[in-house]
Amino acid sequence: MNLLIIRLIIFAVVFYAGLKLYGMYRQHKLARDAEHETLNRHDGGQMVRCRWCDVHVPESEALRDHEQWFCSSAHRDRYVQEQADKNSGA
C-alpha cells in the first residue's frame, strides 16, 4: 500500500512539472511570436518620395494625390497651391 502511494505522489509531481514546463514553453513561444509580429509591423513596405520636399517615407504613411506622393497634408496643399498658381499665371 505504501508503494502505491509513493508511485502516486511521484506521478503527481512529474505531471505537475510537465504542466509547468509546457506553460513556460507556451509563454515563451507566445512572447517570441509577439516580438516577431512587432518587428514585421515596423516594416512600412515600399518607400516613396514626397513630391514637395523629396523626403522618402514608407508608402503606408504617405499621402497620395493624383499619382503624386506627399509626406504630409501641408506639403500636399503647398504643391497643389503651387500648381494652381503656375496654371493661373501661364
PDB file of N, CA and C in Angstrom:
ATOM      1  N   MET A   1       0.809  -1.191   0.000  1.00  0.00           N
ATOM      2  CA  MET A   1       0.000   0.000   0.000  1.00  0.00           C
ATOM      3  C   MET A   1       0.858   1.265   0.000  1.00  0.00           C
ATOM      4  N   ASN A   2       1.950   1.240   0.773  1.00  0.00           N
ATOM      5  CA  ASN A   2       2.848   2.382   0.821  1.00  0.00           C
ATOM      6  C   ASN A   2       3.504   2.625  -0.534  1.00  0.00           C
ATOM      7  N   LEU A   3       3.831   1.565  -1.244  1.00  0.00           N
ATOM      8  CA  LEU A   3       4.459   1.680  -2.565  1.00  0.00           C
ATOM      9  C   LEU A   3       3.505   2.332  -3.557  1.00  0.00           C
ATOM     10  N   LEU A   4       2.225   2.039  -3.477  1.00  0.00           N
ATOM     11  CA  LEU A   4       1.219   2.635  -4.349  1.00  0.00           C
ATOM     12  C   LEU A   4       1.104   4.135  -4.099  1.00  0.00           C
ATOM     13  N   ILE A   5       1.120   4.547  -2.856  1.00  0.00           N
ATOM     14  CA  ILE A   5       1.033   5.970  -2.518  1.00  0.00           C
ATOM     15  C   ILE A   5       2.277   6.708  -3.018  1.00  0.00           C
ATOM     16  N   ILE A   6       3.445   6.100  -2.839  1.00  0.00           N
ATOM     17  CA  ILE A   6       4.690   6.717  -3.307  1.00  0.00           C
ATOM     18  C   ILE A   6       4.658   6.874  -4.823  1.00  0.00           C
ATOM     19  N   ARG A   7       4.220   5.864  -5.546  1.00  0.00           N
ATOM     20  CA  ARG A   7       4.113   5.952  -7.002  1.00  0.00           C
ATOM     21  C   ARG A   7       3.132   7.046  -7.409  1.00  0.00           C
ATOM     22  N   LEU A   8       2.026   7.142  -6.701  1.00  0.00           N
ATOM     23  CA  LEU A   8       1.019   8.165  -6.996  1.00  0.00           C
ATOM     24  C   LEU A   8       1.590   9.565  -6.762  1.00  0.00           C
ATOM     25  N   ILE A   9       2.330   9.738  -5.686  1.00  0.00           N
ATOM     26  CA  ILE A   9       2.947  11.031  -5.402  1.00  0.00           C
ATOM     27  C   ILE A   9       3.979  11.375  -6.475  1.00  0.00           C
ATOM     28  N   ILE A  10       4.796  10.419  -6.851  1.00  0.00           N
ATOM     29  CA  ILE A  10       5.804  10.640  -7.898  1.00  0.00           C
ATOM     30  C   ILE A  10       5.123  10.986  -9.214  1.00  0.00           C
ATOM     31  N   PHE A  11       4.062  10.291  -9.572  1.00  0.00           N
ATOM     32  CA  PHE A  11       3.320  10.582 -10.793  1.00  0.00           C
ATOM     33  C   PHE A  11       2.745  11.991 -10.752  1.00  0.00           C
ATOM     34  N   ALA A  12       2.194  12.386  -9.609  1.00  0.00           N
ATOM     35  CA  ALA A  12       1.621  13.719  -9.475  1.00  0.00           C
ATOM     36  C   ALA A  12       2.695  14.790  -9.622  1.00  0.00           C
ATOM     37  N   VAL A  13       3.863  14.571  -9.015  1.00  0.00           N
ATOM     38  CA  VAL A  13       4.963  15.541  -9.108  1.00  0.00           C
ATOM     39  C   VAL A  13       5.451  15.640 -10.552  1.00  0.00           C
ATOM     40  N   VAL A  14       5.617  14.528 -11.232  1.00  0.00           N
ATOM     41  CA  VAL A  14       6.061  14.528 -12.624  1.00  0.00           C
ATOM     42  C   VAL A  14       5.017  15.200 -13.519  1.00  0.00           C
ATOM     43  N   PHE A  15       3.751  14.915 -13.288  1.00  0.00           N
ATOM     44  CA  PHE A  15       2.670  15.530 -14.061  1.00  0.00           C
ATOM     45  C   PHE A  15       2.649  17.041 -13.845  1.00  0.00           C
ATOM     46  N   TYR A  16       2.773  17.480 -12.592  1.00  0.00           N
ATOM     47  CA  TYR A  16       2.797  18.912 -12.278  1.00  0.00           C
ATOM     48  C   TYR A  16       3.996  19.594 -12.942  1.00  0.00           C
ATOM     49  N   ALA A  17       5.164  18.975 -12.881  1.00  0.00           N
ATOM     50  CA  ALA A  17       6.365  19.538 -13.505  1.00  0.00           C
ATOM     51  C   ALA A  17       6.184  19.622 -15.020  1.00  0.00           C
ATOM     52  N   GLY A  18       5.569  18.624 -15.605  1.00  0.00           N
ATOM     53  CA  GLY A  18       5.301  18.646 -17.042  1.00  0.00           C
ATOM     54  C   GLY A  18       4.369  19.783 -17.426  1.00  0.00           C
ATOM     55  N   LEU A  19       3.325  19.994 -16.641  1.00  0.00           N
ATOM     56  CA  LEU A  19       2.409  21.103 -16.908  1.00  0.00           C
ATOM     57  C   LEU A  19       3.120  22.449 -16.788  1.00  0.00           C
ATOM     58  N   LYS A  20       3.958  22.590 -15.772  1.00  0.00           N
ATOM     59  CA  LYS A  20       4.700  23.838 -15.597  1.00  0.00           C
ATOM     60  C   LYS A  20       5.647  24.071 -16.775  1.00  0.00           C
ATOM     61  N   LEU A  21       6.356  23.054 -17.213  1.00  0.00           N
ATOM     62  CA  LEU A  21       7.268  23.182 -18.355  1.00  0.00           C
ATOM     63  C   LEU A  21       6.507  23.533 -19.623  1.00  0.00           C
ATOM     64  N   TYR A  22       5.364  22.902 -19.826  1.00  0.00           N
ATOM     65  CA  TYR A  22       4.556  23.219 -21.001  1.00  0.00           C
ATOM     66  C   TYR A  22       4.076  24.670 -20.955  1.00  0.00           C
ATOM     67  N   GLY A  23       3.654  25.129 -19.769  1.00  0.00           N
ATOM     68  CA  GLY A  23       3.221  26.520 -19.622  1.00  0.00           C
ATOM     69  C   GLY A  23       4.356  27.491 -19.916  1.00  0.00           C
ATOM     70  N   MET A  24       5.557  27.186 -19.443  1.00  0.00           N
ATOM     71  CA  MET A  24       6.714  28.041 -19.711  1.00  0.00           C
ATOM     72  C   MET A  24       7.036  28.062 -21.207  1.00  0.00           C
ATOM     73  N   TYR A  25       6.981  26.896 -21.851  1.00  0.00           N
ATOM     74  CA  TYR A  25       7.235  26.808 -23.291  1.00  0.00           C
ATOM     75  C   TYR A  25       6.202  27.620 -24.063  1.00  0.00           C
ATOM     76  N   ARG A  26       4.946  27.487 -23.691  1.00  0.00           N
ATOM     77  CA  ARG A  26       3.864  28.198 -24.381  1.00  0.00           C
ATOM     78  C   ARG A  26       4.015  29.711 -24.217  1.00  0.00           C
ATOM     79  N   GLN A  27       4.362  30.165 -23.011  1.00  0.00           N
ATOM     80  CA  GLN A  27       4.553  31.589 -22.762  1.00  0.00           C
ATOM     81  C   GLN A  27       5.738  32.116 -23.563  1.00  0.00           C
ATOM     82  N   HIS A  28       6.808  31.359 -23.620  1.00  0.00           N
ATOM     83  CA  HIS A  28       7.986  31.763 -24.398  1.00  0.00           C
ATOM     84  C   HIS A  28       7.639  31.846 -25.884  1.00  0.00           C
ATOM     85  N   LYS A  29       6.889  30.876 -26.372  1.00  0.00           N
ATOM     86  CA  LYS A  29       6.516  30.870 -27.784  1.00  0.00           C
ATOM     87  C   LYS A  29       5.613  32.057 -28.116  1.00  0.00           C
ATOM     88  N   LEU A  30       4.653  32.362 -27.263  1.00  0.00           N
ATOM     89  CA  LEU A  30       3.766  33.496 -27.494  1.00  0.00           C
ATOM     90  C   LEU A  30       4.541  34.817 -27.466  1.00  0.00           C
ATOM     91  N   ALA A  31       5.478  34.947 -26.551  1.00  0.00           N
ATOM     92  CA  ALA A  31       6.297  36.168 -26.472  1.00  0.00           C
ATOM     93  C   ALA A  31       7.158  36.305 -27.725  1.00  0.00           C
ATOM     94  N   ARG A  32       7.730  35.211 -28.187  1.00  0.00           N
ATOM     95  CA  ARG A  32       8.565  35.231 -29.393  1.00  0.00           C
ATOM     96  C   ARG A  32       7.725  35.586 -30.616  1.00  0.00           C
ATOM     97  N   ASP A  33       6.526  35.028 -30.723  1.00  0.00           N
ATOM     98  CA  ASP A  33       5.644  35.336 -31.851  1.00  0.00           C
ATOM     99  C   ASP A  33       5.211  36.800 -31.812  1.00  0.00           C
ATOM    100  N   ALA A  34       4.939  37.323 -30.623  1.00  0.00           N
ATOM    101  CA  ALA A  34       4.549  38.727 -30.497  1.00  0.00           C
ATOM    102  C   ALA A  34       5.705  39.639 -30.897  1.00  0.00           C
ATOM    103  N   GLU A  35       6.915  39.282 -30.508  1.00  0.00           N
ATOM    104  CA  GLU A  35       8.089  40.076 -30.877  1.00  0.00           C
ATOM    105  C   GLU A  35       8.303  40.033 -32.383  1.00  0.00           C
ATOM    106  N   HIS A  36       8.132  38.873 -32.979  1.00  0.00           N
ATOM    107  CA  HIS A  36       8.272  38.731 -34.434  1.00  0.00           C
ATOM    108  C   HIS A  36       7.210  39.561 -35.149  1.00  0.00           C
ATOM    109  N   GLU A  37       5.996  39.551 -34.625  1.00  0.00           N
ATOM    110  CA  GLU A  37       4.902  40.339 -35.203  1.00  0.00           C
ATOM    111  C   GLU A  37       5.221  41.837 -35.117  1.00  0.00           C
ATOM    112  N   THR A  38       5.780  42.257 -33.990  1.00  0.00           N
ATOM    113  CA  THR A  38       6.148  43.657 -33.815  1.00  0.00           C
ATOM    114  C   THR A  38       7.224  44.060 -34.806  1.00  0.00           C
ATOM    115  N   LEU A  39       8.211  43.204 -35.004  1.00  0.00           N
ATOM    116  CA  LEU A  39       9.275  43.508 -35.964  1.00  0.00           C
ATOM    117  C   LEU A  39       8.726  43.607 -37.377  1.00  0.00           C
ATOM    118  N   ASN A  40       7.797  42.753 -37.729  1.00  0.00           N
ATOM    119  CA  ASN A  40       7.203  42.792 -39.064  1.00  0.00           C
ATOM    120  C   ASN A  40       6.308  44.003 -39.243  1.00  0.00           C
ATOM    121  N   ARG A  41       5.674  44.444 -38.171  1.00  0.00           N
ATOM    122  CA  ARG A  41       4.764  45.569 -38.269  1.00  0.00           C
ATOM    123  C   ARG A  41       5.528  46.862 -38.551  1.00  0.00           C
ATOM    124  N   HIS A  42       6.771  46.953 -38.098  1.00  0.00           N
ATOM    125  CA  HIS A  42       7.558  48.150 -38.343  1.00  0.00           C
ATOM    126  C   HIS A  42       8.016  48.248 -39.781  1.00  0.00           C
ATOM    127  N   ASP A  43       7.917  47.182 -40.515  1.00  0.00           N
ATOM    128  CA  ASP A  43       8.283  47.210 -41.925  1.00  0.00           C
ATOM    129  C   ASP A  43       7.184  47.946 -42.673  1.00  0.00           C
ATOM    130  N   GLY A  44       7.460  49.173 -43.102  1.00  0.00           N
ATOM    131  CA  GLY A  44       6.442  50.012 -43.725  1.00  0.00           C
ATOM    132  C   GLY A  44       6.217  49.698 -45.190  1.00  0.00           C
ATOM    133  N   GLY A  45       7.015  48.825 -45.750  1.00  0.00           N
ATOM    134  CA  GLY A  45       6.848  48.486 -47.151  1.00  0.00           C
ATOM    135  C   GLY A  45       7.698  49.365 -48.038  1.00  0.00           C
ATOM    136  N   GLN A  46       7.227  49.614 -49.220  1.00  0.00           N
ATOM    137  CA  GLN A  46       7.964  50.377 -50.218  1.00  0.00           C
ATOM    138  C   GLN A  46       8.070  51.848 -49.799  1.00  0.00           C
ATOM    139  N   MET A  47       9.234  52.425 -50.085  1.00  0.00           N
ATOM    140  CA  MET A  47       9.450  53.837 -49.779  1.00  0.00           C
ATOM    141  C   MET A  47       9.065  54.668 -51.005  1.00  0.00           C
ATOM    142  N   VAL A  48       8.438  55.817 -50.753  1.00  0.00           N
ATOM    143  CA  VAL A  48       8.055  56.735 -51.824  1.00  0.00           C
ATOM    144  C   VAL A  48       8.612  58.118 -51.484  1.00  0.00           C
ATOM    145  N   ARG A  49       8.790  58.940 -52.503  1.00  0.00           N
ATOM    146  CA  ARG A  49       9.375  60.261 -52.320  1.00  0.00           C
ATOM    147  C   ARG A  49       8.293  61.333 -52.320  1.00  0.00           C
ATOM    148  N   CYS A  50       8.393  62.225 -51.341  1.00  0.00           N
ATOM    149  CA  CYS A  50       7.472  63.357 -51.272  1.00  0.00           C
ATOM    150  C   CYS A  50       7.753  64.272 -52.467  1.00  0.00           C
ATOM    151  N   ARG A  51       6.724  64.638 -53.181  1.00  0.00           N
ATOM    152  CA  ARG A  51       6.857  65.475 -54.374  1.00  0.00           C
ATOM    153  C   ARG A  51       7.346  66.881 -54.018  1.00  0.00           C
ATOM    154  N   TRP A  52       7.030  67.345 -52.814  1.00  0.00           N
ATOM    155  CA  TRP A  52       7.385  68.703 -52.422  1.00  0.00           C
ATOM    156  C   TRP A  52       8.816  68.793 -51.875  1.00  0.00           C
ATOM    157  N   CYS A  53       9.175  67.927 -50.932  1.00  0.00           N
ATOM    158  CA  CYS A  53      10.471  68.069 -50.245  1.00  0.00           C
ATOM    159  C   CYS A  53      11.470  66.956 -50.556  1.00  0.00           C
ATOM    160  N   ASP A  54      11.098  65.976 -51.354  1.00  0.00           N
ATOM    161  CA  ASP A  54      11.963  64.864 -51.755  1.00  0.00           C
ATOM    162  C   ASP A  54      12.397  63.951 -50.599  1.00  0.00           C
ATOM    163  N   VAL A  55      11.677  63.971 -49.501  1.00  0.00           N
ATOM    164  CA  VAL A  55      11.955  63.075 -48.385  1.00  0.00           C
ATOM    165  C   VAL A  55      11.285  61.740 -48.663  1.00  0.00           C
ATOM    166  N   HIS A  56      11.987  60.654 -48.375  1.00  0.00           N
ATOM    167  CA  HIS A  56      11.414  59.326 -48.556  1.00  0.00           C
ATOM    168  C   HIS A  56      10.653  58.925 -47.302  1.00  0.00           C
ATOM    169  N   VAL A  57       9.438  58.435 -47.494  1.00  0.00           N
ATOM    170  CA  VAL A  57       8.594  57.959 -46.400  1.00  0.00           C
ATOM    171  C   VAL A  57       7.999  56.612 -46.805  1.00  0.00           C
ATOM    172  N   PRO A  58       7.657  55.758 -45.829  1.00  0.00           N
ATOM    173  CA  PRO A  58       7.002  54.498 -46.172  1.00  0.00           C
ATOM    174  C   PRO A  58       5.665  54.754 -46.862  1.00  0.00           C
ATOM    175  N   GLU A  59       5.369  53.946 -47.834  1.00  0.00           N
ATOM    176  CA  GLU A  59       4.132  54.100 -48.596  1.00  0.00           C
ATOM    177  C   GLU A  59       2.903  54.057 -47.689  1.00  0.00           C
ATOM    178  N   SER A  60       2.986  53.258 -46.626  1.00  0.00           N
ATOM    179  CA  SER A  60       1.843  53.138 -45.725  1.00  0.00           C
ATOM    180  C   SER A  60       1.582  54.432 -44.947  1.00  0.00           C
ATOM    181  N   GLU A  61       2.589  55.297 -44.819  1.00  0.00           N
ATOM    182  CA  GLU A  61       2.428  56.554 -44.085  1.00  0.00           C
ATOM    183  C   GLU A  61       2.276  57.759 -45.002  1.00  0.00           C
ATOM    184  N   ALA A  62       2.503  57.581 -46.289  1.00  0.00           N
ATOM    185  CA  ALA A  62       2.472  58.696 -47.231  1.00  0.00           C
ATOM    186  C   ALA A  62       1.043  58.994 -47.681  1.00  0.00           C
ATOM    187  N   LEU A  63       0.856  60.213 -48.172  1.00  0.00           N
ATOM    188  CA  LEU A  63      -0.434  60.630 -48.726  1.00  0.00           C
ATOM    189  C   LEU A  63      -0.312  60.649 -50.245  1.00  0.00           C
ATOM    190  N   ARG A  64      -1.346  60.191 -50.914  1.00  0.00           N
ATOM    191  CA  ARG A  64      -1.315  60.118 -52.371  1.00  0.00           C
ATOM    192  C   ARG A  64      -2.387  61.036 -52.934  1.00  0.00           C
ATOM    193  N   ASP A  65      -1.987  61.815 -53.947  1.00  0.00           N
ATOM    194  CA  ASP A  65      -2.933  62.721 -54.586  1.00  0.00           C
ATOM    195  C   ASP A  65      -2.584  62.795 -56.064  1.00  0.00           C
ATOM    196  N   HIS A  66      -3.447  62.286 -56.923  1.00  0.00           N
ATOM    197  CA  HIS A  66      -3.267  62.321 -58.374  1.00  0.00           C
ATOM    198  C   HIS A  66      -1.895  61.800 -58.793  1.00  0.00           C
ATOM    199  N   GLU A  67      -1.594  60.567 -58.408  1.00  0.00           N
ATOM    200  CA  GLU A  67      -0.351  59.889 -58.773  1.00  0.00           C
ATOM    201  C   GLU A  67       0.897  60.550 -58.185  1.00  0.00           C
ATOM    202  N   GLN A  68       0.740  61.436 -57.235  1.00  0.00           N
ATOM    203  CA  GLN A  68       1.857  62.085 -56.548  1.00  0.00           C
ATOM    204  C   GLN A  68       1.844  61.663 -55.088  1.00  0.00           C
ATOM    205  N   TRP A  69       3.024  61.515 -54.494  1.00  0.00           N
ATOM    206  CA  TRP A  69       3.147  61.130 -53.093  1.00  0.00           C
ATOM    207  C   TRP A  69       3.620  62.321 -52.276  1.00  0.00           C
ATOM    208  N   PHE A  70       3.115  62.417 -51.039  1.00  0.00           N
ATOM    209  CA  PHE A  70       3.474  63.506 -50.150  1.00  0.00           C
ATOM    210  C   PHE A  70       3.696  62.957 -48.740  1.00  0.00           C
ATOM    211  N   CYS A  71       4.611  63.610 -47.997  1.00  0.00           N
ATOM    212  CA  CYS A  71       4.898  63.158 -46.628  1.00  0.00           C
ATOM    213  C   CYS A  71       3.893  63.716 -45.631  1.00  0.00           C
ATOM    214  N   SER A  72       3.205  64.797 -45.980  1.00  0.00           N
ATOM    215  CA  SER A  72       2.221  65.379 -45.065  1.00  0.00           C
ATOM    216  C   SER A  72       1.158  66.127 -45.864  1.00  0.00           C
ATOM    217  N   SER A  73       0.070  66.427 -45.201  1.00  0.00           N
ATOM    218  CA  SER A  73      -1.000  67.162 -45.874  1.00  0.00           C
ATOM    219  C   SER A  73      -0.569  68.602 -46.165  1.00  0.00           C
ATOM    220  N   ALA A  74       0.310  69.160 -45.328  1.00  0.00           N
ATOM    221  CA  ALA A  74       0.799  70.525 -45.574  1.00  0.00           C
ATOM    222  C   ALA A  74       1.592  70.583 -46.880  1.00  0.00           C
ATOM    223  N   HIS A  75       2.440  69.591 -47.124  1.00  0.00           N
ATOM    224  CA  HIS A  75       3.219  69.572 -48.361  1.00  0.00           C
ATOM    225  C   HIS A  75       2.321  69.315 -49.566  1.00  0.00           C
ATOM    226  N   ARG A  76       1.314  68.491 -49.383  1.00  0.00           N
ATOM    227  CA  ARG A  76       0.369  68.268 -50.476  1.00  0.00           C
ATOM    228  C   ARG A  76      -0.348  69.572 -50.827  1.00  0.00           C
ATOM    229  N   ASP A  77      -0.794  70.285 -49.797  1.00  0.00           N
ATOM    230  CA  ASP A  77      -1.505  71.548 -50.032  1.00  0.00           C
ATOM    231  C   ASP A  77      -0.598  72.588 -50.691  1.00  0.00           C
ATOM    232  N   ARG A  78       0.665  72.651 -50.272  1.00  0.00           N
ATOM    233  CA  ARG A  78       1.603  73.591 -50.880  1.00  0.00           C
ATOM    234  C   ARG A  78       1.827  73.254 -52.359  1.00  0.00           C
ATOM    235  N   TYR A  79       1.981  71.974 -52.640  1.00  0.00           N
ATOM    236  CA  TYR A  79       2.213  71.556 -54.024  1.00  0.00           C
ATOM    237  C   TYR A  79       1.001  71.888 -54.893  1.00  0.00           C
ATOM    238  N   VAL A  80      -0.186  71.602 -54.392  1.00  0.00           N
ATOM    239  CA  VAL A  80      -1.413  71.886 -55.144  1.00  0.00           C
ATOM    240  C   VAL A  80      -1.541  73.390 -55.371  1.00  0.00           C
ATOM    241  N   GLN A  81      -1.236  74.182 -54.345  1.00  0.00           N
ATOM    242  CA  GLN A  81      -1.306  75.643 -54.490  1.00  0.00           C
ATOM    243  C   GLN A  81      -0.287  76.145 -55.508  1.00  0.00           C
ATOM    244  N   GLU A  82       0.923  75.578 -55.462  1.00  0.00           N
ATOM    245  CA  GLU A  82       1.953  75.975 -56.423  1.00  0.00           C
ATOM    246  C   GLU A  82       1.531  75.644 -57.852  1.00  0.00           C
ATOM    247  N   GLN A  83       0.941  74.487 -58.042  1.00  0.00           N
ATOM    248  CA  GLN A  83       0.480  74.080 -59.371  1.00  0.00           C
ATOM    249  C   GLN A  83      -0.663  75.000 -59.842  1.00  0.00           C
ATOM    250  N   ALA A  84      -1.545  75.370 -58.928  1.00  0.00           N
ATOM    251  CA  ALA A  84      -2.655  76.258 -59.272  1.00  0.00           C
ATOM    252  C   ALA A  84      -2.123  77.638 -59.654  1.00  0.00           C
ATOM    253  N   ASP A  85      -1.104  78.121 -58.921  1.00  0.00           N
ATOM    254  CA  ASP A  85      -0.508  79.428 -59.244  1.00  0.00           C
ATOM    255  C   ASP A  85       0.171  79.392 -60.605  1.00  0.00           C
ATOM    256  N   LYS A  86       0.871  78.293 -60.914  1.00  0.00           N
ATOM    257  CA  LYS A  86       1.533  78.151 -62.219  1.00  0.00           C
ATOM    258  C   LYS A  86       0.515  78.131 -63.353  1.00  0.00           C
ATOM    259  N   ASN A  87      -0.575  77.399 -63.147  1.00  0.00           N
ATOM    260  CA  ASN A  87      -1.584  77.277 -64.187  1.00  0.00           C
ATOM    261  C   ASN A  87      -2.368  78.577 -64.392  1.00  0.00           C
ATOM    262  N   SER A  88      -2.586  79.319 -63.330  1.00  0.00           N
ATOM    263  CA  SER A  88      -3.341  80.573 -63.471  1.00  0.00           C
ATOM    264  C   SER A  88      -2.452  81.689 -64.014  1.00  0.00           C
ATOM    265  N   GLY A  89      -1.153  81.609 -63.763  1.00  0.00           N
ATOM    266  CA  GLY A  89      -0.224  82.632 -64.242  1.00  0.00           C
ATOM    267  C   GLY A  89       0.204  82.421 -65.682  1.00  0.00           C
ATOM    268  N   ALA A  90       0.059  81.232 -66.194  1.00  0.00           N
ATOM    269  CA  ALA A  90       0.537  80.932 -67.550  1.00  0.00           C
ATOM    270  C   ALA A  90      -0.480  81.209 -68.607  1.00  0.00           C
TER     271      ALA A  90
END
